[in-house]
């Protein structure tokens, strides 16, 4: 069984602007023959500005006020590609923490207010139910503006706000990908 490792795991994929760099990296890593399937992945941010270009649509959709006919965005769905199949890894809801003049580390009340927000509307429930349908767990990721510290809360199990350095967060995330890839490979071997 082939797995798509090294240059290809992530939370979005590649945009046309990165394909040349990725092709070179794939060749160096011995993935060149597998690249044709990777070019179908969704794109990475391809604009330098920070304008949210979906605001007009989202506002217009919100104004429809259809009872019980909702829409909700998820910040990210992490996935890997294995044997040309999408393997879901996690559903992430992202929250940037603005710096506070008094607190380097946020107090418990800060994290409680985040959970209140997710519990007071259907955002948290939607993330958990979507994750369940994908066979993964939902997480809230709180990150400092400089991305040097992140806090993870497992929304599916209702535990956490564990602090990570940037390096350890991405190790944690990579391990989740590796675990799901291995689960997928074991399940496909069992079928054969």
N, C-alpha and C. Protein backbone atom coordinates (compact mmCIF):
# COMPACT_ATOMS: atom_id res chain seq x y z
N UNK A 1 0.83 -1.19 0.00
CA UNK A 1 0.00 0.00 0.00
C UNK A 1 0.87 1.25 0.00
N UNK A 2 0.49 2.22 -0.78
CA UNK A 2 1.23 3.47 -0.82
C UNK A 2 0.55 4.48 0.10
N UNK A 3 1.36 5.28 0.75
CA UNK A 3 0.80 6.39 1.51
C UNK A 3 1.40 7.68 0.98
N UNK A 4 0.66 8.74 1.12
CA UNK A 4 1.13 10.05 0.71
C UNK A 4 1.64 10.72 1.95
N UNK A 5 2.93 10.75 2.11
CA UNK A 5 3.53 11.23 3.34
C UNK A 5 4.21 12.55 3.04
N UNK A 6 5.31 12.79 3.71
CA UNK A 6 6.18 13.95 3.64
C UNK A 6 5.55 15.22 3.11
N UNK A 7 5.66 15.53 1.82
CA UNK A 7 5.27 16.88 1.43
C UNK A 7 3.77 17.10 1.33
N UNK A 8 2.93 16.08 1.57
CA UNK A 8 1.54 16.21 1.19
C UNK A 8 0.51 16.20 2.29
N UNK A 9 0.88 15.97 3.54
CA UNK A 9 -0.16 15.99 4.55
C UNK A 9 -0.42 17.43 4.93
N UNK A 10 -1.63 17.75 5.32
CA UNK A 10 -1.89 19.13 5.67
C UNK A 10 -3.36 19.43 5.80
N UNK A 11 -3.67 20.71 5.86
CA UNK A 11 -5.04 21.09 6.12
C UNK A 11 -5.59 21.96 5.00
N UNK A 12 -5.39 21.61 3.84
CA UNK A 12 -5.96 22.40 2.77
C UNK A 12 -5.45 21.87 1.48
N UNK A 13 -4.19 21.95 1.27
CA UNK A 13 -3.64 21.40 0.05
C UNK A 13 -2.77 22.38 -0.67
N UNK A 14 -2.78 22.28 -1.97
CA UNK A 14 -1.86 23.06 -2.77
C UNK A 14 -2.62 23.94 -3.74
N UNK A 15 -2.10 25.10 -3.98
CA UNK A 15 -2.63 25.98 -4.99
C UNK A 15 -1.72 25.95 -6.19
N UNK A 16 -2.22 26.44 -7.28
CA UNK A 16 -1.45 26.40 -8.51
C UNK A 16 -0.10 27.08 -8.37
N UNK A 17 -0.02 28.11 -7.52
CA UNK A 17 1.23 28.84 -7.31
C UNK A 17 2.29 28.00 -6.61
N UNK A 18 1.90 26.94 -5.94
CA UNK A 18 2.86 26.10 -5.24
C UNK A 18 3.20 24.82 -5.97
N UNK A 19 2.57 24.55 -7.09
CA UNK A 19 2.76 23.26 -7.74
C UNK A 19 4.20 23.02 -8.18
N UNK A 20 4.88 24.04 -8.68
CA UNK A 20 6.26 23.83 -9.10
C UNK A 20 7.15 23.46 -7.93
N UNK A 21 7.00 24.18 -6.80
CA UNK A 21 7.79 23.85 -5.62
C UNK A 21 7.48 22.43 -5.15
N UNK A 22 6.22 22.06 -5.18
CA UNK A 22 5.83 20.74 -4.71
C UNK A 22 6.32 19.66 -5.67
N UNK A 23 6.27 19.93 -6.96
CA UNK A 23 6.78 18.96 -7.93
C UNK A 23 8.26 18.70 -7.68
N UNK A 24 9.03 19.76 -7.44
CA UNK A 24 10.45 19.57 -7.15
C UNK A 24 10.64 18.78 -5.87
N UNK A 25 9.88 19.10 -4.82
CA UNK A 25 9.99 18.40 -3.55
C UNK A 25 9.56 16.94 -3.70
N UNK A 26 8.51 16.70 -4.46
CA UNK A 26 8.02 15.33 -4.66
C UNK A 26 9.08 14.48 -5.36
N UNK A 27 9.75 15.06 -6.33
CA UNK A 27 10.78 14.32 -7.05
C UNK A 27 11.92 13.95 -6.10
N UNK A 28 12.33 14.91 -5.26
CA UNK A 28 13.39 14.65 -4.28
C UNK A 28 12.99 13.55 -3.29
N UNK A 29 11.72 13.49 -2.92
CA UNK A 29 11.25 12.53 -1.92
C UNK A 29 10.81 11.20 -2.55
N UNK A 30 10.86 11.10 -3.87
CA UNK A 30 10.44 9.87 -4.53
C UNK A 30 8.94 9.74 -4.70
N UNK A 31 8.21 10.86 -4.68
CA UNK A 31 6.76 10.83 -4.81
C UNK A 31 6.28 11.24 -6.19
N UNK A 32 7.17 11.41 -7.12
CA UNK A 32 6.82 11.99 -8.41
C UNK A 32 5.67 11.26 -9.09
N UNK A 33 5.66 9.93 -9.07
CA UNK A 33 4.60 9.18 -9.75
C UNK A 33 3.24 9.38 -9.11
N UNK A 34 3.21 9.77 -7.84
CA UNK A 34 1.94 9.94 -7.12
C UNK A 34 1.39 11.36 -7.24
N UNK A 35 2.18 12.27 -7.78
CA UNK A 35 1.81 13.68 -7.77
C UNK A 35 0.56 13.98 -8.58
N UNK A 36 0.33 13.26 -9.63
CA UNK A 36 -0.83 13.60 -10.48
C UNK A 36 -2.13 13.60 -9.69
N UNK A 37 -2.24 12.76 -8.69
CA UNK A 37 -3.45 12.73 -7.86
C UNK A 37 -3.48 13.89 -6.87
N UNK A 38 -2.32 14.33 -6.43
CA UNK A 38 -2.25 15.41 -5.46
C UNK A 38 -2.68 16.74 -6.06
N UNK A 39 -2.52 16.93 -7.35
CA UNK A 39 -2.84 18.22 -7.96
C UNK A 39 -4.34 18.51 -7.89
N UNK A 40 -5.15 17.54 -7.48
CA UNK A 40 -6.59 17.74 -7.36
C UNK A 40 -6.99 18.31 -6.01
N UNK A 41 -6.04 18.42 -5.08
CA UNK A 41 -6.38 18.89 -3.73
C UNK A 41 -6.82 20.35 -3.77
N UNK A 42 -7.51 20.76 -2.71
CA UNK A 42 -7.96 22.14 -2.64
C UNK A 42 -6.77 23.08 -2.50
N UNK A 43 -7.02 24.32 -2.78
CA UNK A 43 -5.91 25.27 -2.82
C UNK A 43 -5.59 25.89 -1.47
N UNK A 44 -4.37 26.30 -1.36
CA UNK A 44 -3.91 27.08 -0.21
C UNK A 44 -4.31 28.54 -0.48
N UNK A 45 -4.25 29.38 0.52
CA UNK A 45 -4.57 30.79 0.30
C UNK A 45 -3.71 31.32 -0.83
N UNK A 46 -4.32 31.90 -1.83
CA UNK A 46 -3.54 32.38 -2.97
C UNK A 46 -3.59 33.89 -3.13
N UNK A 47 -4.01 34.58 -2.10
CA UNK A 47 -4.03 36.04 -2.12
C UNK A 47 -3.22 36.55 -0.95
N UNK A 48 -2.58 37.67 -1.13
CA UNK A 48 -1.76 38.24 -0.06
C UNK A 48 -2.56 39.13 0.89
N UNK A 49 -3.73 39.63 0.44
CA UNK A 49 -4.51 40.47 1.34
C UNK A 49 -5.24 39.61 2.37
N UNK A 50 -5.86 40.25 3.33
CA UNK A 50 -6.56 39.50 4.38
C UNK A 50 -8.06 39.73 4.32
N UNK A 51 -8.53 40.27 3.23
CA UNK A 51 -9.96 40.52 3.06
C UNK A 51 -10.72 39.18 3.09
N UNK A 52 -11.81 39.14 3.85
CA UNK A 52 -12.67 37.98 3.82
C UNK A 52 -13.64 38.16 2.66
N UNK A 53 -13.41 37.45 1.60
CA UNK A 53 -14.19 37.62 0.38
C UNK A 53 -15.52 36.86 0.41
N UNK A 54 -15.85 36.25 1.54
CA UNK A 54 -17.12 35.54 1.66
C UNK A 54 -18.16 36.33 2.44
N UNK A 55 -17.78 37.48 2.98
CA UNK A 55 -18.67 38.24 3.86
C UNK A 55 -19.99 38.61 3.18
N UNK A 56 -19.94 39.08 1.95
CA UNK A 56 -21.18 39.47 1.26
C UNK A 56 -22.15 38.31 1.15
N UNK A 57 -21.64 37.16 0.75
CA UNK A 57 -22.51 35.98 0.63
C UNK A 57 -23.06 35.59 2.01
N UNK A 58 -22.18 35.51 3.00
CA UNK A 58 -22.62 35.07 4.33
C UNK A 58 -23.67 36.03 4.89
N UNK A 59 -23.48 37.34 4.72
CA UNK A 59 -24.47 38.31 5.20
C UNK A 59 -25.80 38.14 4.47
N UNK A 60 -25.74 37.96 3.16
CA UNK A 60 -26.98 37.78 2.38
C UNK A 60 -27.68 36.49 2.81
N UNK A 61 -26.92 35.44 3.03
CA UNK A 61 -27.51 34.17 3.46
C UNK A 61 -28.15 34.32 4.85
N UNK A 62 -27.46 35.01 5.75
CA UNK A 62 -27.99 35.23 7.10
C UNK A 62 -29.32 35.99 7.04
N UNK A 63 -29.41 36.97 6.15
CA UNK A 63 -30.61 37.79 6.03
C UNK A 63 -31.83 37.01 5.55
N UNK A 64 -31.66 35.80 5.06
CA UNK A 64 -32.79 35.00 4.58
C UNK A 64 -33.72 34.58 5.72
N UNK A 65 -33.19 34.42 6.92
CA UNK A 65 -33.98 34.11 8.12
C UNK A 65 -34.96 32.96 7.91
N UNK A 66 -34.47 31.90 7.34
CA UNK A 66 -35.34 30.73 7.17
C UNK A 66 -35.31 29.93 8.47
N UNK A 67 -36.45 29.76 9.13
CA UNK A 67 -36.46 28.99 10.39
C UNK A 67 -35.94 27.56 10.18
N UNK A 68 -35.01 27.15 11.04
CA UNK A 68 -34.46 25.80 11.06
C UNK A 68 -33.73 25.38 9.79
N UNK A 69 -33.41 26.31 8.93
CA UNK A 69 -32.63 26.00 7.72
C UNK A 69 -31.33 26.79 7.83
N UNK A 70 -30.32 26.11 8.36
CA UNK A 70 -29.11 26.78 8.81
C UNK A 70 -27.94 26.51 7.89
N UNK A 71 -26.91 27.30 8.06
CA UNK A 71 -25.62 27.03 7.43
C UNK A 71 -24.55 27.41 8.45
N UNK A 72 -23.45 26.72 8.37
CA UNK A 72 -22.37 26.95 9.32
C UNK A 72 -21.06 26.61 8.63
N UNK A 73 -20.06 27.44 8.81
CA UNK A 73 -18.75 27.10 8.28
C UNK A 73 -17.95 26.35 9.35
N UNK A 74 -17.07 25.48 8.91
CA UNK A 74 -16.07 24.86 9.77
C UNK A 74 -14.76 25.49 9.37
N UNK A 75 -13.92 25.78 10.33
CA UNK A 75 -12.66 26.45 9.97
C UNK A 75 -11.75 25.55 9.14
N UNK A 76 -11.56 24.31 9.57
CA UNK A 76 -10.72 23.42 8.78
C UNK A 76 -11.13 21.98 9.00
N UNK A 77 -11.01 21.19 7.94
CA UNK A 77 -11.11 19.74 8.03
C UNK A 77 -9.74 19.22 7.63
N UNK A 78 -9.05 18.62 8.58
CA UNK A 78 -7.75 18.02 8.30
C UNK A 78 -7.97 16.68 7.63
N UNK A 79 -7.18 16.41 6.60
CA UNK A 79 -7.28 15.12 5.92
C UNK A 79 -5.95 14.76 5.29
N UNK A 80 -5.79 13.46 5.03
CA UNK A 80 -4.62 12.95 4.30
C UNK A 80 -5.14 12.25 3.05
N UNK A 81 -4.25 12.07 2.10
CA UNK A 81 -4.57 11.31 0.89
C UNK A 81 -3.79 10.00 0.97
N UNK A 82 -4.50 8.89 0.91
CA UNK A 82 -3.87 7.57 0.96
C UNK A 82 -4.46 6.75 -0.19
N UNK A 83 -3.58 6.26 -1.04
CA UNK A 83 -4.03 5.45 -2.18
C UNK A 83 -5.15 6.14 -2.95
N UNK A 84 -4.98 7.44 -3.13
CA UNK A 84 -5.94 8.26 -3.88
C UNK A 84 -7.30 8.39 -3.19
N UNK A 85 -7.34 8.13 -1.89
CA UNK A 85 -8.56 8.27 -1.10
C UNK A 85 -8.38 9.37 -0.06
N UNK A 86 -9.45 10.09 0.23
CA UNK A 86 -9.43 11.09 1.30
C UNK A 86 -9.63 10.37 2.63
N UNK A 87 -8.71 10.59 3.56
CA UNK A 87 -8.80 10.03 4.90
C UNK A 87 -8.95 11.20 5.87
N UNK A 88 -10.13 11.33 6.47
CA UNK A 88 -10.40 12.44 7.39
C UNK A 88 -9.61 12.26 8.67
N UNK A 89 -9.13 13.37 9.22
CA UNK A 89 -8.27 13.34 10.40
C UNK A 89 -8.89 14.09 11.58
N UNK A 90 -9.39 15.29 11.36
CA UNK A 90 -9.95 16.09 12.45
C UNK A 90 -10.74 17.26 11.89
N UNK A 91 -11.68 17.74 12.68
CA UNK A 91 -12.39 18.99 12.39
C UNK A 91 -11.85 20.02 13.38
N UNK A 92 -11.42 21.17 12.85
CA UNK A 92 -10.82 22.21 13.69
C UNK A 92 -11.63 23.49 13.64
N UNK A 93 -11.90 24.04 14.79
CA UNK A 93 -12.44 25.39 14.93
C UNK A 93 -11.31 26.24 15.49
N UNK A 94 -10.94 27.29 14.80
CA UNK A 94 -9.77 28.10 15.14
C UNK A 94 -10.17 29.42 15.77
N UNK A 95 -9.46 29.80 16.81
CA UNK A 95 -9.70 31.07 17.50
C UNK A 95 -8.37 31.71 17.83
N UNK A 96 -8.15 32.90 17.29
CA UNK A 96 -6.91 33.63 17.62
C UNK A 96 -7.10 34.40 18.92
N UNK A 97 -6.11 34.29 19.77
CA UNK A 97 -6.13 35.01 21.05
C UNK A 97 -5.37 36.32 20.88
N UNK A 98 -6.05 37.41 21.13
CA UNK A 98 -5.37 38.70 21.08
C UNK A 98 -4.54 38.89 22.34
N UNK A 99 -3.41 39.58 22.23
CA UNK A 99 -2.57 39.77 23.43
C UNK A 99 -3.30 40.58 24.49
N UNK A 100 -3.04 40.25 25.73
CA UNK A 100 -3.65 40.95 26.86
C UNK A 100 -2.54 41.65 27.63
N UNK A 101 -2.74 42.92 28.04
CA UNK A 101 -1.66 43.65 28.72
C UNK A 101 -1.24 43.04 30.07
N UNK A 102 -2.16 42.32 30.74
CA UNK A 102 -1.85 41.78 32.06
C UNK A 102 -1.50 40.29 32.05
N UNK A 103 -2.07 39.53 31.13
CA UNK A 103 -1.96 38.08 31.19
C UNK A 103 -1.17 37.52 30.01
N UNK A 104 -0.01 36.95 30.30
CA UNK A 104 0.71 36.23 29.25
C UNK A 104 -0.02 34.94 28.93
N UNK A 105 -0.45 34.25 29.99
CA UNK A 105 -1.26 33.03 29.83
C UNK A 105 -2.68 33.38 30.21
N UNK A 106 -3.62 33.07 29.35
CA UNK A 106 -5.01 33.43 29.64
C UNK A 106 -5.54 32.72 30.88
N UNK A 107 -6.38 33.39 31.65
CA UNK A 107 -6.99 32.75 32.82
C UNK A 107 -8.07 31.75 32.37
N UNK A 108 -8.48 30.90 33.27
CA UNK A 108 -9.51 29.90 32.98
C UNK A 108 -10.79 30.57 32.44
N UNK A 109 -11.11 31.73 32.96
CA UNK A 109 -12.33 32.43 32.52
C UNK A 109 -12.30 32.74 31.02
N UNK A 110 -11.11 32.96 30.47
CA UNK A 110 -10.99 33.21 29.03
C UNK A 110 -11.44 31.98 28.25
N UNK A 111 -10.93 30.82 28.64
CA UNK A 111 -11.29 29.57 27.96
C UNK A 111 -12.77 29.24 28.19
N UNK A 112 -13.27 29.54 29.39
CA UNK A 112 -14.69 29.31 29.68
C UNK A 112 -15.57 30.14 28.74
N UNK A 113 -15.15 31.37 28.45
CA UNK A 113 -15.95 32.22 27.56
C UNK A 113 -15.96 31.67 26.13
N UNK A 114 -14.86 31.04 25.71
CA UNK A 114 -14.83 30.41 24.39
C UNK A 114 -15.83 29.26 24.34
N UNK A 115 -15.81 28.44 25.39
CA UNK A 115 -16.76 27.31 25.43
C UNK A 115 -18.20 27.79 25.47
N UNK A 116 -18.46 28.86 26.22
CA UNK A 116 -19.81 29.42 26.26
C UNK A 116 -20.28 29.79 24.86
N UNK A 117 -19.38 30.40 24.09
CA UNK A 117 -19.73 30.78 22.72
C UNK A 117 -20.08 29.55 21.88
N UNK A 118 -19.28 28.50 22.00
CA UNK A 118 -19.55 27.29 21.23
C UNK A 118 -20.80 26.56 21.72
N UNK A 119 -21.12 26.70 23.00
CA UNK A 119 -22.29 26.03 23.56
C UNK A 119 -23.57 26.82 23.38
N UNK A 120 -23.49 28.13 23.23
CA UNK A 120 -24.69 28.97 23.20
C UNK A 120 -25.39 28.95 21.84
N UNK A 121 -24.69 28.59 20.81
CA UNK A 121 -25.34 28.44 19.52
C UNK A 121 -25.03 27.03 19.00
N UNK A 122 -25.29 26.77 17.77
CA UNK A 122 -25.10 25.42 17.24
C UNK A 122 -23.71 25.20 16.66
N UNK A 123 -22.82 26.15 16.78
CA UNK A 123 -21.49 26.00 16.19
C UNK A 123 -20.75 24.79 16.75
N UNK A 124 -20.73 24.65 18.07
CA UNK A 124 -20.04 23.51 18.68
C UNK A 124 -20.71 22.20 18.35
N UNK A 125 -22.02 22.16 18.45
CA UNK A 125 -22.76 20.94 18.15
C UNK A 125 -22.57 20.54 16.69
N UNK A 126 -22.60 21.52 15.80
CA UNK A 126 -22.41 21.23 14.38
C UNK A 126 -21.01 20.65 14.13
N UNK A 127 -19.99 21.23 14.74
CA UNK A 127 -18.62 20.73 14.56
C UNK A 127 -18.49 19.30 15.06
N UNK A 128 -19.07 19.02 16.22
CA UNK A 128 -18.99 17.66 16.80
C UNK A 128 -19.75 16.66 15.93
N UNK A 129 -20.95 17.01 15.51
CA UNK A 129 -21.73 16.08 14.69
C UNK A 129 -21.09 15.85 13.33
N UNK A 130 -20.53 16.89 12.74
CA UNK A 130 -19.84 16.72 11.46
C UNK A 130 -18.63 15.83 11.64
N UNK A 131 -17.86 16.07 12.69
CA UNK A 131 -16.68 15.24 12.96
C UNK A 131 -17.09 13.78 13.14
N UNK A 132 -18.16 13.55 13.87
CA UNK A 132 -18.63 12.17 14.10
C UNK A 132 -18.98 11.49 12.78
N UNK A 133 -19.67 12.21 11.91
CA UNK A 133 -20.02 11.63 10.60
C UNK A 133 -18.78 11.32 9.76
N UNK A 134 -17.71 12.09 9.97
CA UNK A 134 -16.46 11.84 9.25
C UNK A 134 -15.59 10.80 9.95
N UNK A 135 -16.00 10.36 11.13
CA UNK A 135 -15.23 9.37 11.88
C UNK A 135 -14.01 9.93 12.58
N UNK A 136 -14.10 11.20 12.97
CA UNK A 136 -12.97 11.88 13.63
C UNK A 136 -13.51 12.66 14.83
N UNK A 137 -12.65 13.42 15.48
CA UNK A 137 -13.06 14.27 16.59
C UNK A 137 -12.93 15.74 16.20
N UNK A 138 -13.70 16.58 16.89
CA UNK A 138 -13.66 18.02 16.68
C UNK A 138 -12.84 18.67 17.78
N UNK A 139 -12.09 19.69 17.42
CA UNK A 139 -11.22 20.40 18.35
C UNK A 139 -11.40 21.90 18.20
N UNK A 140 -11.24 22.61 19.30
CA UNK A 140 -11.07 24.06 19.26
C UNK A 140 -9.58 24.30 19.42
N UNK A 141 -9.01 25.08 18.53
CA UNK A 141 -7.59 25.44 18.60
C UNK A 141 -7.52 26.94 18.86
N UNK A 142 -6.99 27.31 20.00
CA UNK A 142 -6.76 28.72 20.34
C UNK A 142 -5.28 28.97 20.14
N UNK A 143 -4.95 30.05 19.44
CA UNK A 143 -3.54 30.32 19.17
C UNK A 143 -3.20 31.77 19.41
N UNK A 144 -1.97 32.00 19.89
CA UNK A 144 -1.46 33.37 20.03
C UNK A 144 -1.21 33.96 18.65
N UNK A 145 -1.23 35.27 18.59
CA UNK A 145 -1.04 35.98 17.33
C UNK A 145 0.27 35.59 16.65
N UNK A 146 1.31 35.32 17.42
CA UNK A 146 2.61 34.94 16.83
C UNK A 146 2.73 33.44 16.60
N UNK A 147 1.69 32.68 16.92
CA UNK A 147 1.64 31.23 16.72
C UNK A 147 2.68 30.47 17.54
N UNK A 148 3.23 31.09 18.58
CA UNK A 148 4.23 30.39 19.39
C UNK A 148 3.59 29.49 20.45
N UNK A 149 2.35 29.81 20.83
CA UNK A 149 1.64 28.96 21.79
C UNK A 149 0.23 28.69 21.26
N UNK A 150 -0.22 27.46 21.46
CA UNK A 150 -1.56 27.06 21.05
C UNK A 150 -2.17 26.24 22.17
N UNK A 151 -3.50 26.26 22.27
CA UNK A 151 -4.22 25.49 23.25
C UNK A 151 -5.24 24.63 22.50
N UNK A 152 -5.30 23.36 22.87
CA UNK A 152 -6.19 22.42 22.20
C UNK A 152 -7.29 21.99 23.16
N UNK A 153 -8.52 22.07 22.69
CA UNK A 153 -9.66 21.57 23.44
C UNK A 153 -10.37 20.54 22.58
N UNK A 154 -10.53 19.33 23.10
CA UNK A 154 -11.25 18.28 22.38
C UNK A 154 -12.74 18.51 22.61
N UNK A 155 -13.38 19.07 21.61
CA UNK A 155 -14.80 19.41 21.69
C UNK A 155 -15.67 18.15 21.70
N UNK A 156 -15.22 17.10 21.04
CA UNK A 156 -15.98 15.85 21.01
C UNK A 156 -16.02 15.19 22.38
N UNK A 157 -14.92 15.22 23.10
CA UNK A 157 -14.84 14.58 24.42
C UNK A 157 -15.03 15.56 25.57
N UNK A 158 -15.06 16.86 25.24
CA UNK A 158 -15.23 17.93 26.25
C UNK A 158 -14.09 17.95 27.26
N UNK A 159 -12.85 17.84 26.78
CA UNK A 159 -11.69 17.91 27.66
C UNK A 159 -10.61 18.77 27.02
N UNK A 160 -9.83 19.44 27.87
CA UNK A 160 -8.65 20.07 27.34
C UNK A 160 -8.38 21.50 27.68
N UNK A 161 -8.02 22.21 26.64
CA UNK A 161 -7.31 23.48 26.63
C UNK A 161 -5.92 23.23 27.18
N UNK A 162 -5.31 22.21 26.59
CA UNK A 162 -3.93 21.87 26.91
C UNK A 162 -3.01 22.76 26.06
N UNK A 163 -2.00 23.32 26.71
CA UNK A 163 -1.09 24.25 26.03
C UNK A 163 0.02 23.50 25.28
N UNK A 164 0.32 23.97 24.08
CA UNK A 164 1.38 23.41 23.24
C UNK A 164 2.25 24.53 22.70
N UNK A 165 3.52 24.25 22.50
CA UNK A 165 4.36 25.14 21.69
C UNK A 165 3.98 24.90 20.23
N UNK A 166 4.37 25.79 19.36
CA UNK A 166 4.10 25.63 17.93
C UNK A 166 4.66 24.30 17.44
N UNK A 167 5.89 24.00 17.82
CA UNK A 167 6.53 22.76 17.37
C UNK A 167 5.76 21.53 17.86
N UNK A 168 5.40 21.52 19.14
CA UNK A 168 4.68 20.37 19.68
C UNK A 168 3.26 20.26 19.16
N UNK A 169 2.63 21.38 18.86
CA UNK A 169 1.30 21.33 18.26
C UNK A 169 1.35 20.61 16.91
N UNK A 170 2.32 21.00 16.08
CA UNK A 170 2.38 20.37 14.76
C UNK A 170 2.84 18.92 14.84
N UNK A 171 3.60 18.56 15.88
CA UNK A 171 3.90 17.14 16.11
C UNK A 171 2.62 16.39 16.47
N UNK A 172 1.79 16.98 17.34
CA UNK A 172 0.51 16.39 17.72
C UNK A 172 -0.37 16.20 16.49
N UNK A 173 -0.44 17.24 15.66
CA UNK A 173 -1.28 17.17 14.47
C UNK A 173 -0.77 16.13 13.49
N UNK A 174 0.54 16.09 13.30
CA UNK A 174 1.14 15.09 12.40
C UNK A 174 0.85 13.68 12.92
N UNK A 175 0.93 13.47 14.23
CA UNK A 175 0.64 12.16 14.81
C UNK A 175 -0.82 11.76 14.55
N UNK A 176 -1.74 12.73 14.58
CA UNK A 176 -3.14 12.42 14.27
C UNK A 176 -3.26 11.95 12.83
N UNK A 177 -2.55 12.63 11.92
CA UNK A 177 -2.55 12.19 10.51
C UNK A 177 -2.00 10.77 10.40
N UNK A 178 -0.87 10.53 11.02
CA UNK A 178 -0.23 9.22 10.94
C UNK A 178 -1.14 8.13 11.48
N UNK A 179 -1.82 8.40 12.59
CA UNK A 179 -2.71 7.42 13.20
C UNK A 179 -3.88 7.09 12.25
N UNK A 180 -4.47 8.12 11.65
CA UNK A 180 -5.59 7.89 10.74
C UNK A 180 -5.14 7.17 9.47
N UNK A 181 -3.95 7.50 8.98
CA UNK A 181 -3.42 6.79 7.81
C UNK A 181 -3.25 5.31 8.14
N UNK A 182 -2.67 5.01 9.30
CA UNK A 182 -2.47 3.62 9.70
C UNK A 182 -3.80 2.89 9.89
N UNK A 183 -4.79 3.55 10.48
CA UNK A 183 -6.11 2.94 10.63
C UNK A 183 -6.70 2.61 9.26
N UNK A 184 -6.57 3.55 8.34
CA UNK A 184 -7.11 3.34 6.99
C UNK A 184 -6.41 2.16 6.31
N UNK A 185 -5.09 2.11 6.41
CA UNK A 185 -4.35 1.02 5.77
C UNK A 185 -4.70 -0.33 6.39
N UNK A 186 -4.87 -0.37 7.71
CA UNK A 186 -5.28 -1.63 8.36
C UNK A 186 -6.67 -2.05 7.89
N UNK A 187 -7.58 -1.09 7.76
CA UNK A 187 -8.95 -1.44 7.35
C UNK A 187 -9.00 -1.91 5.90
N UNK A 188 -8.15 -1.35 5.04
CA UNK A 188 -8.16 -1.80 3.64
C UNK A 188 -7.50 -3.16 3.50
N UNK A 189 -6.51 -3.46 4.35
CA UNK A 189 -5.90 -4.79 4.32
C UNK A 189 -6.87 -5.86 4.79
N UNK A 190 -7.71 -5.50 5.77
CA UNK A 190 -8.68 -6.45 6.30
C UNK A 190 -9.72 -6.82 5.25
N UNK A 191 -10.01 -5.90 4.33
CA UNK A 191 -10.99 -6.14 3.30
C UNK A 191 -10.42 -7.03 2.20
N UNK A 192 -9.14 -6.91 1.94
CA UNK A 192 -8.52 -7.65 0.83
C UNK A 192 -8.50 -9.11 1.02
